[in-house]
Amino acid sequence: RIDHGHHEHESYYGDRDTESLVKMMDNLVESLPKESQNLALEDKSKVEAKRPAPSAGGCRIEGYVRVKKVPGFLIVSAGSESHSFDASQMNMSHVIHHLSFGRKLTPRAMSDVKRLIPYIGSSHDRLNGRSFINPRVSEANVTIEHYIQIVKTEVITKKGYKLIEEYEYTSHSSLAHSVDIPVAKFHLELSPMQVLITESQKSFSHFITNVCAIIGGVFTVAGIIDSILHNTIKIMKKIELGKNF
């Protein structure tokens, strides 16, 4: 509970390495009454007082945000009214496991779309599984920015049924220095253009016209080849007659 900057837990102002944090936790446990410790350990045959620290720290963030279809920002940062942060020690390297826009498409809907249009759906999760690591370990206040251009795509069948409505996007990432605390920043910009793909049925007369065009093309090419062969043979005969005389 926060009340005008005051909180009920004890603040920690020491070093943030593993040894200092474990020592602080040991001191907190020792200060507890014996009765509380006995109740906490009751009905437990084996309790680990210490566990090895993970090789790398970090946070896992997941969820969704409802926004209007206007340009904006999505910023991931650390903030608290009761704690302070050392910006020089903050590393905003991250891995994007999944990032998409619009409703999540079912595997069946995506398979139906790819059967009709193979290239659709290849850019609706372009950043999935990509890692963005800050190589400037000696520099402080480095923000990682992602510039995302979003385009809405709709696929409508010949009967007027909307097969899918998805948002595909392109992205570009870069590093920038932050004046204050470094963040992971996503610049979102929706394109005013929309891709609309419709399925239409060709008439039988159109099919007949295409067949006639193909047949006419075959006869034309055959005539050209025949003319070339005839003229070539004629020239070769003239050359042979010239040699005989």
Protein backbone atom coordinates (compact mmCIF):
# COMPACT_ATOMS: atom_id res chain seq x y z
CA ARG A 1 0.00 0.00 0.00
CA ILE A 2 1.30 3.44 -0.98
CA ASP A 3 0.19 6.53 0.93
CA HIS A 4 1.79 9.79 -0.23
CA GLY A 5 5.16 8.17 -0.81
CA HIS A 6 5.09 6.13 2.42
CA HIS A 7 4.92 2.34 2.36
CA GLU A 8 4.65 -0.42 4.94
CA HIS A 9 7.70 -2.46 3.85
CA GLU A 10 11.29 -1.64 4.64
CA SER A 11 13.31 0.12 1.93
CA TYR A 12 16.61 -1.32 0.76
CA TYR A 13 19.44 1.02 -0.15
CA GLY A 14 22.37 -1.42 -0.36
CA ASP A 15 24.18 -2.98 -3.26
CA ARG A 16 22.18 -5.02 -5.77
CA ASP A 17 24.53 -7.92 -6.29
CA THR A 18 23.59 -11.50 -5.33
CA GLU A 19 25.69 -11.68 -2.16
CA SER A 20 24.29 -8.44 -0.71
CA LEU A 21 20.69 -9.37 -1.47
CA VAL A 22 21.04 -12.85 0.07
CA LYS A 23 22.65 -11.34 3.18
CA MET A 24 19.78 -8.88 3.50
CA MET A 25 17.23 -11.70 3.27
CA ASP A 26 19.09 -13.70 5.94
CA ASN A 27 18.93 -10.70 8.27
CA LEU A 28 15.19 -10.35 7.68
CA VAL A 29 14.60 -14.04 8.48
CA GLU A 30 16.71 -13.85 11.66
CA SER A 31 14.69 -10.86 12.88
CA LEU A 32 11.42 -12.84 12.72
CA PRO A 33 10.09 -14.39 15.96
CA LYS A 34 10.81 -18.09 16.47
CA GLU A 35 7.07 -18.85 16.51
CA SER A 36 6.61 -17.45 13.03
CA GLN A 37 9.56 -19.46 11.75
CA ASN A 38 8.18 -22.68 13.28
CA LEU A 39 4.75 -22.11 11.71
CA ALA A 40 6.34 -21.48 8.33
CA LEU A 41 8.39 -24.70 8.53
CA GLU A 42 5.57 -26.87 9.88
CA ASP A 43 4.74 -30.06 7.91
CA LYS A 44 7.76 -29.58 5.64
CA SER A 45 10.40 -32.29 5.70
CA LYS A 46 12.95 -30.41 3.63
CA VAL A 47 13.32 -26.69 3.15
CA GLU A 48 15.94 -24.90 1.04
CA ALA A 49 17.12 -21.75 2.79
CA LYS A 50 19.06 -20.58 -0.25
CA ARG A 51 18.70 -21.24 -3.95
CA PRO A 52 21.23 -20.43 -6.64
CA ALA A 53 20.52 -17.17 -8.39
CA PRO A 54 19.62 -17.36 -12.08
CA SER A 55 22.38 -16.63 -14.58
CA ALA A 56 20.46 -13.64 -15.97
CA GLY A 57 17.69 -11.52 -14.53
CA GLY A 58 14.71 -10.08 -16.29
CA CYS A 59 10.95 -9.70 -16.43
CA ARG A 60 8.28 -11.51 -18.44
CA ILE A 61 5.56 -9.22 -19.75
CA GLU A 62 2.43 -10.44 -21.51
CA GLY A 63 -1.04 -9.12 -22.21
CA TYR A 64 -2.93 -7.02 -24.71
CA VAL A 65 -3.80 -3.34 -25.09
CA ARG A 66 -6.91 -1.83 -26.67
CA VAL A 67 -6.01 1.30 -28.61
CA LYS A 68 -7.54 3.48 -31.28
CA LYS A 69 -6.33 3.28 -34.86
CA VAL A 70 -4.06 6.29 -34.55
CA PRO A 71 -0.24 6.64 -34.30
CA GLY A 72 1.08 6.11 -30.78
CA PHE A 73 3.70 4.56 -28.53
CA LEU A 74 3.95 1.45 -26.39
CA ILE A 75 6.65 1.91 -23.74
CA VAL A 76 8.00 -0.77 -21.40
CA SER A 77 9.96 0.72 -18.49
CA ALA A 78 10.55 0.47 -14.76
CA GLY A 79 8.70 2.87 -12.46
CA SER A 80 7.72 3.19 -8.82
CA GLU A 81 6.74 5.93 -6.42
CA SER A 82 8.56 4.22 -3.56
CA HIS A 83 11.84 3.13 -5.17
CA SER A 84 14.69 4.71 -7.06
CA PHE A 85 16.50 3.23 -10.06
CA ASP A 86 20.09 3.47 -11.21
CA ALA A 87 19.74 4.15 -14.94
CA SER A 88 23.40 3.35 -15.59
CA GLN A 89 22.82 -0.26 -14.46
CA MET A 90 19.64 -0.89 -16.46
CA ASN A 91 19.91 -3.05 -19.57
CA MET A 92 16.87 -3.04 -21.86
CA SER A 93 17.90 -6.06 -23.95
CA HIS A 94 14.86 -8.22 -24.61
CA VAL A 95 13.35 -11.08 -26.60
CA ILE A 96 9.97 -10.71 -28.33
CA HIS A 97 8.25 -14.09 -28.20
CA HIS A 98 5.02 -12.88 -29.77
CA LEU A 99 3.77 -9.53 -31.04
CA SER A 100 0.71 -9.19 -33.26
CA PHE A 101 -2.17 -6.82 -33.88
CA GLY A 102 -5.87 -7.48 -34.18
CA ARG A 103 -7.65 -10.68 -33.28
CA LYS A 104 -5.63 -13.84 -33.03
CA LEU A 105 -6.14 -16.03 -36.08
CA THR A 106 -6.97 -19.68 -35.60
CA PRO A 107 -4.71 -22.26 -37.30
CA ARG A 108 -7.66 -23.41 -39.43
CA ALA A 109 -8.39 -19.91 -40.72
CA MET A 110 -4.72 -19.35 -41.50
CA SER A 111 -4.47 -22.65 -43.40
CA ASP A 112 -7.56 -21.72 -45.46
CA VAL A 113 -6.03 -18.36 -46.34
CA LYS A 114 -2.64 -19.83 -47.27
CA ARG A 115 -4.35 -22.34 -49.55
CA LEU A 116 -5.95 -19.48 -51.49
CA ILE A 117 -3.20 -16.88 -51.17
CA PRO A 118 0.20 -18.34 -50.14
CA TYR A 119 1.90 -15.02 -49.37
CA ILE A 120 -0.75 -13.78 -46.91
CA GLY A 121 0.06 -14.09 -43.22
CA SER A 122 3.83 -13.99 -43.55
CA SER A 123 4.18 -10.58 -41.86
CA HIS A 124 1.56 -10.55 -39.09
CA ASP A 125 4.14 -11.81 -36.54
CA ARG A 126 7.40 -10.54 -38.05
CA LEU A 127 9.08 -9.86 -34.67
CA ASN A 128 8.24 -13.24 -33.11
CA GLY A 129 11.27 -15.00 -31.61
CA ARG A 130 13.71 -12.16 -32.34
CA SER A 131 16.28 -10.99 -29.78
CA PHE A 132 17.37 -7.39 -29.35
CA ILE A 133 20.57 -7.18 -27.32
CA ASN A 134 22.30 -3.98 -26.28
CA PRO A 135 25.95 -4.39 -27.37
CA ARG A 136 27.01 -1.13 -25.73
CA VAL A 137 27.61 -2.61 -22.28
CA SER A 138 29.95 0.21 -21.32
CA GLU A 139 27.42 2.95 -22.15
CA ALA A 140 24.47 3.90 -19.97
CA ASN A 141 20.90 4.94 -20.71
CA VAL A 142 20.51 3.03 -23.98
CA THR A 143 16.92 2.74 -25.22
CA ILE A 144 15.89 0.13 -27.81
CA GLU A 145 13.27 1.49 -30.22
CA HIS A 146 11.08 -0.38 -32.69
CA TYR A 147 9.38 1.47 -35.56
CA ILE A 148 6.36 -0.52 -36.72
CA GLN A 149 4.25 0.22 -39.80
CA ILE A 150 0.90 -1.59 -39.67
CA VAL A 151 -1.31 -2.36 -42.67
CA LYS A 152 -4.78 -3.87 -42.41
CA THR A 153 -5.54 -6.80 -44.73
CA GLU A 154 -8.93 -8.36 -45.48
CA VAL A 155 -9.71 -11.47 -47.51
CA ILE A 156 -13.31 -11.82 -48.76
CA THR A 157 -14.66 -14.87 -50.57
CA LYS A 158 -16.79 -14.76 -53.74
CA LYS A 159 -19.95 -15.18 -51.62
CA GLY A 160 -19.17 -12.05 -49.61
CA TYR A 161 -17.94 -13.94 -46.54
CA LYS A 162 -15.03 -12.27 -44.74
CA LEU A 163 -12.47 -15.04 -44.40
CA ILE A 164 -9.92 -13.14 -42.28
CA GLU A 165 -9.16 -9.65 -41.03
CA GLU A 166 -5.55 -9.29 -39.96
CA TYR A 167 -2.92 -6.63 -39.48
CA GLU A 168 0.46 -7.20 -41.09
CA TYR A 169 3.40 -4.99 -40.28
CA THR A 170 6.97 -4.14 -41.14
CA SER A 171 9.48 -3.16 -38.48
CA HIS A 172 12.82 -1.42 -38.05
CA SER A 173 14.76 -1.38 -34.77
CA SER A 174 17.53 0.89 -33.52
CA LEU A 175 19.38 2.03 -30.40
CA ALA A 176 19.11 5.53 -28.94
CA HIS A 177 20.37 7.34 -25.83
CA SER A 178 17.76 8.21 -23.24
CA VAL A 179 17.84 11.35 -21.13
CA ASP A 180 16.23 9.60 -18.17
CA ILE A 181 15.61 5.88 -17.54
CA PRO A 182 16.15 3.67 -20.62
CA VAL A 183 13.06 1.94 -22.00
CA ALA A 184 11.91 -0.45 -24.70
CA LYS A 185 9.82 1.71 -27.01
CA PHE A 186 7.47 0.62 -29.80
CA HIS A 187 6.45 3.33 -32.29
CA LEU A 188 3.11 2.29 -33.80
CA GLU A 189 1.92 3.84 -37.04
CA LEU A 190 -1.13 2.55 -38.92
CA SER A 191 -1.10 3.00 -42.65
CA PRO A 192 -4.08 4.90 -44.14
CA MET A 193 -4.10 2.32 -46.96
CA GLN A 194 -5.81 -1.05 -46.69
CA VAL A 195 -5.24 -4.27 -48.65
CA LEU A 196 -8.54 -5.83 -49.78
CA ILE A 197 -8.39 -9.23 -51.49
CA THR A 198 -11.60 -10.57 -53.03
CA GLU A 199 -12.38 -13.84 -54.77
CA SER A 200 -14.40 -13.63 -58.01
CA GLN A 201 -15.62 -16.29 -60.43
CA LYS A 202 -14.81 -16.01 -64.16
CA SER A 203 -17.60 -16.53 -66.72
CA PHE A 204 -17.62 -19.36 -69.28
CA SER A 205 -17.18 -16.87 -72.15
CA HIS A 206 -13.99 -15.64 -70.50
CA PHE A 207 -12.74 -19.25 -70.44
CA ILE A 208 -13.53 -19.72 -74.15
CA THR A 209 -11.74 -16.47 -74.98
CA ASN A 210 -8.62 -17.60 -73.11
CA VAL A 211 -8.67 -20.99 -74.86
CA CYS A 212 -8.94 -19.35 -78.27
CA ALA A 213 -6.12 -16.97 -77.42
CA ILE A 214 -3.90 -19.90 -76.40
CA ILE A 215 -4.71 -21.86 -79.57
CA GLY A 216 -4.09 -18.79 -81.74
CA GLY A 217 -0.79 -18.19 -80.02
CA VAL A 218 0.31 -21.78 -80.60
CA PHE A 219 -0.49 -21.55 -84.34
CA THR A 220 1.32 -18.21 -84.62
CA VAL A 221 4.48 -19.55 -82.96
CA ALA A 222 4.32 -22.70 -85.08
CA GLY A 223 4.04 -20.56 -88.24
CA ILE A 224 7.06 -18.47 -87.23
CA ILE A 225 9.16 -21.58 -86.55
CA ASP A 226 8.09 -23.13 -89.87
CA SER A 227 8.99 -19.96 -91.77
CA ILE A 228 12.44 -19.83 -90.13
CA LEU A 229 13.15 -23.47 -90.95
CA HIS A 230 11.93 -23.06 -94.56
CA ASN A 231 14.09 -20.00 -95.18
CA THR A 232 17.11 -21.64 -93.55
CA ILE A 233 16.82 -24.74 -95.76
CA LYS A 234 16.36 -22.56 -98.84
CA ILE A 235 19.52 -20.58 -98.08
CA MET A 236 21.54 -23.74 -97.46
CA LYS A 237 20.43 -25.17 -100.86
CA LYS A 238 21.55 -21.97 -102.61
CA ILE A 239 24.95 -22.20 -100.91
CA GLU A 240 25.36 -25.82 -102.05
CA LEU A 241 24.41 -24.94 -105.65
CA GLY A 242 26.95 -22.11 -105.64
CA LYS A 243 29.71 -24.47 -104.57
CA ASN A 244 28.89 -26.96 -107.39
CA PHE A 245 29.32 -24.30 -110.05
